[in-house]
Amino acid sequence: MNRRTTRHFGELDRAEFLRELKVFRAACIRVCTKAPIGSEEYRLADRLISEILVAGEKLTGERDYFVLR
């Protein structure tokens, strides 16, 4: 019989995830400042920034979590 493992995503995991999202958001912002407006790269980076903001809100309850930091 196979044993099932129980997964746990704790506060330390959440904090690390938020730190990584912050770094990735900064990279996306750099792409948006260099790529031509309306280009595929610009649109993808902009979409990722929006999704990162949504993730920050869902994980912290603060709508502007990344904007204020």
N, C-alpha and C. Protein backbone atom coordinates (compact mmCIF):
# COMPACT_ATOMS: atom_id res chain seq x y z
N MET A 1 0.84 -1.18 0.00
CA MET A 1 0.00 0.00 0.00
C MET A 1 0.89 1.25 0.00
N ASN A 2 0.57 2.18 -0.86
CA ASN A 2 1.33 3.42 -0.94
C ASN A 2 0.89 4.39 0.15
N ARG A 3 1.87 5.09 0.69
CA ARG A 3 1.57 6.11 1.69
C ARG A 3 1.48 7.47 1.00
N ARG A 4 0.53 8.22 1.38
CA ARG A 4 0.40 9.58 0.85
C ARG A 4 1.17 10.53 1.75
N THR A 5 1.82 11.47 1.12
CA THR A 5 2.52 12.47 1.90
C THR A 5 1.63 13.69 2.07
N THR A 6 1.83 14.38 3.16
CA THR A 6 1.09 15.59 3.43
C THR A 6 1.98 16.77 3.10
N ARG A 7 1.50 17.63 2.25
CA ARG A 7 2.26 18.82 1.88
C ARG A 7 1.97 19.95 2.85
N HIS A 8 2.98 20.76 3.08
CA HIS A 8 2.82 21.91 3.97
C HIS A 8 3.50 23.12 3.34
N PHE A 9 2.77 24.19 3.18
CA PHE A 9 3.30 25.45 2.65
C PHE A 9 3.16 26.47 3.76
N GLY A 10 4.22 26.66 4.51
CA GLY A 10 4.17 27.52 5.70
C GLY A 10 4.53 28.97 5.42
N GLU A 11 4.61 29.73 6.49
CA GLU A 11 4.90 31.15 6.39
C GLU A 11 6.29 31.41 5.80
N LEU A 12 7.27 30.58 6.13
CA LEU A 12 8.60 30.75 5.56
C LEU A 12 8.58 30.51 4.05
N ASP A 13 7.82 29.52 3.63
CA ASP A 13 7.67 29.25 2.20
C ASP A 13 6.99 30.42 1.50
N ARG A 14 5.97 30.95 2.14
CA ARG A 14 5.23 32.08 1.58
C ARG A 14 6.14 33.31 1.45
N ALA A 15 6.94 33.57 2.48
CA ALA A 15 7.85 34.72 2.45
C ALA A 15 8.89 34.56 1.35
N GLU A 16 9.42 33.36 1.19
CA GLU A 16 10.41 33.10 0.14
C GLU A 16 9.77 33.28 -1.24
N PHE A 17 8.57 32.78 -1.40
CA PHE A 17 7.85 32.90 -2.67
C PHE A 17 7.62 34.38 -3.01
N LEU A 18 7.22 35.17 -2.03
CA LEU A 18 6.99 36.59 -2.25
C LEU A 18 8.29 37.31 -2.63
N ARG A 19 9.39 36.94 -1.99
CA ARG A 19 10.69 37.53 -2.33
C ARG A 19 11.06 37.23 -3.79
N GLU A 20 10.83 35.99 -4.20
CA GLU A 20 11.15 35.61 -5.58
C GLU A 20 10.24 36.32 -6.57
N LEU A 21 8.97 36.48 -6.23
CA LEU A 21 8.05 37.21 -7.11
C LEU A 21 8.48 38.66 -7.24
N LYS A 22 8.97 39.25 -6.15
CA LYS A 22 9.43 40.63 -6.19
C LYS A 22 10.60 40.79 -7.16
N VAL A 23 11.54 39.85 -7.12
CA VAL A 23 12.69 39.89 -8.02
C VAL A 23 12.22 39.73 -9.47
N PHE A 24 11.32 38.80 -9.71
CA PHE A 24 10.82 38.56 -11.06
C PHE A 24 10.03 39.76 -11.58
N ARG A 25 9.26 40.40 -10.70
CA ARG A 25 8.50 41.60 -11.09
C ARG A 25 9.46 42.70 -11.53
N ALA A 26 10.56 42.86 -10.79
CA ALA A 26 11.55 43.88 -11.16
C ALA A 26 12.15 43.58 -12.54
N ALA A 27 12.38 42.30 -12.83
CA ALA A 27 12.91 41.92 -14.14
C ALA A 27 11.89 42.25 -15.23
N CYS A 28 10.63 42.00 -14.96
CA CYS A 28 9.58 42.31 -15.94
C CYS A 28 9.48 43.82 -16.17
N ILE A 29 9.64 44.59 -15.12
CA ILE A 29 9.60 46.05 -15.27
C ILE A 29 10.77 46.51 -16.14
N ARG A 30 11.94 45.91 -15.96
CA ARG A 30 13.09 46.25 -16.81
C ARG A 30 12.79 45.94 -18.29
N VAL A 31 12.13 44.81 -18.54
CA VAL A 31 11.76 44.48 -19.91
C VAL A 31 10.83 45.54 -20.47
N CYS A 32 9.86 45.96 -19.68
CA CYS A 32 8.90 46.97 -20.15
C CYS A 32 9.58 48.31 -20.42
N THR A 33 10.66 48.61 -19.73
CA THR A 33 11.33 49.89 -19.97
C THR A 33 12.22 49.84 -21.21
N LYS A 34 12.60 48.64 -21.65
CA LYS A 34 13.50 48.51 -22.80
C LYS A 34 12.81 48.07 -24.08
N ALA A 35 11.80 47.24 -23.97
CA ALA A 35 11.12 46.72 -25.15
C ALA A 35 10.22 47.79 -25.76
N PRO A 36 10.09 47.78 -27.07
CA PRO A 36 9.17 48.73 -27.72
C PRO A 36 7.74 48.52 -27.21
N ILE A 37 7.06 49.63 -26.95
CA ILE A 37 5.69 49.55 -26.46
C ILE A 37 4.84 48.83 -27.49
N GLY A 38 4.07 47.86 -27.00
CA GLY A 38 3.20 47.10 -27.88
C GLY A 38 3.84 45.85 -28.46
N SER A 39 5.14 45.68 -28.25
CA SER A 39 5.80 44.48 -28.77
C SER A 39 5.37 43.26 -27.96
N GLU A 40 5.64 42.09 -28.51
CA GLU A 40 5.26 40.84 -27.82
C GLU A 40 5.93 40.77 -26.45
N GLU A 41 7.20 41.15 -26.37
CA GLU A 41 7.92 41.12 -25.09
C GLU A 41 7.30 42.06 -24.08
N TYR A 42 6.95 43.24 -24.53
CA TYR A 42 6.32 44.23 -23.65
C TYR A 42 4.99 43.72 -23.11
N ARG A 43 4.17 43.19 -24.00
CA ARG A 43 2.85 42.72 -23.58
C ARG A 43 2.95 41.54 -22.63
N LEU A 44 3.88 40.61 -22.89
CA LEU A 44 4.05 39.47 -21.99
C LEU A 44 4.54 39.91 -20.62
N ALA A 45 5.52 40.80 -20.59
CA ALA A 45 6.05 41.28 -19.31
C ALA A 45 4.96 42.03 -18.54
N ASP A 46 4.18 42.83 -19.24
CA ASP A 46 3.10 43.58 -18.60
C ASP A 46 2.06 42.63 -18.01
N ARG A 47 1.73 41.59 -18.74
CA ARG A 47 0.76 40.60 -18.25
C ARG A 47 1.29 39.88 -17.01
N LEU A 48 2.58 39.54 -17.04
CA LEU A 48 3.19 38.88 -15.88
C LEU A 48 3.19 39.80 -14.66
N ILE A 49 3.46 41.07 -14.87
CA ILE A 49 3.42 42.03 -13.76
C ILE A 49 2.03 42.06 -13.14
N SER A 50 1.02 42.09 -13.98
CA SER A 50 -0.37 42.09 -13.48
C SER A 50 -0.66 40.84 -12.66
N GLU A 51 -0.23 39.69 -13.14
CA GLU A 51 -0.48 38.44 -12.43
C GLU A 51 0.30 38.37 -11.11
N ILE A 52 1.50 38.92 -11.10
CA ILE A 52 2.28 38.97 -9.87
C ILE A 52 1.58 39.84 -8.83
N LEU A 53 0.99 40.95 -9.27
CA LEU A 53 0.24 41.80 -8.35
C LEU A 53 -0.97 41.07 -7.78
N VAL A 54 -1.64 40.29 -8.61
CA VAL A 54 -2.77 39.49 -8.14
C VAL A 54 -2.30 38.45 -7.12
N ALA A 55 -1.19 37.80 -7.41
CA ALA A 55 -0.65 36.79 -6.50
C ALA A 55 -0.28 37.43 -5.16
N GLY A 56 0.34 38.60 -5.20
CA GLY A 56 0.69 39.30 -3.97
C GLY A 56 -0.53 39.62 -3.13
N GLU A 57 -1.59 40.04 -3.80
CA GLU A 57 -2.83 40.35 -3.08
C GLU A 57 -3.43 39.09 -2.45
N LYS A 58 -3.45 38.00 -3.19
CA LYS A 58 -4.04 36.76 -2.67
C LYS A 58 -3.22 36.18 -1.52
N LEU A 59 -1.90 36.32 -1.59
CA LEU A 59 -1.04 35.74 -0.56
C LEU A 59 -0.96 36.59 0.70
N THR A 60 -1.13 37.91 0.56
CA THR A 60 -0.96 38.80 1.72
C THR A 60 -2.24 39.50 2.15
N GLY A 61 -3.19 39.60 1.25
CA GLY A 61 -4.40 40.36 1.55
C GLY A 61 -4.23 41.84 1.29
N GLU A 62 -3.04 42.25 0.87
CA GLU A 62 -2.76 43.66 0.57
C GLU A 62 -2.74 43.85 -0.94
N ARG A 63 -3.62 44.71 -1.41
CA ARG A 63 -3.74 44.91 -2.86
C ARG A 63 -2.46 45.46 -3.47
N ASP A 64 -1.79 46.34 -2.76
CA ASP A 64 -0.59 47.00 -3.29
C ASP A 64 0.69 46.47 -2.63
N TYR A 65 0.73 45.20 -2.33
CA TYR A 65 1.87 44.61 -1.61
C TYR A 65 3.20 44.93 -2.30
N PHE A 66 3.30 44.69 -3.59
CA PHE A 66 4.55 44.91 -4.31
C PHE A 66 4.76 46.37 -4.66
N VAL A 67 3.70 47.11 -4.83
CA VAL A 67 3.80 48.51 -5.22
C VAL A 67 4.40 49.33 -4.08
N LEU A 68 4.06 48.98 -2.86
CA LEU A 68 4.51 49.75 -1.70
C LEU A 68 5.90 49.35 -1.24
N ARG A 69 6.50 48.32 -1.83
CA ARG A 69 7.81 47.85 -1.38
C ARG A 69 8.85 48.08 -2.41
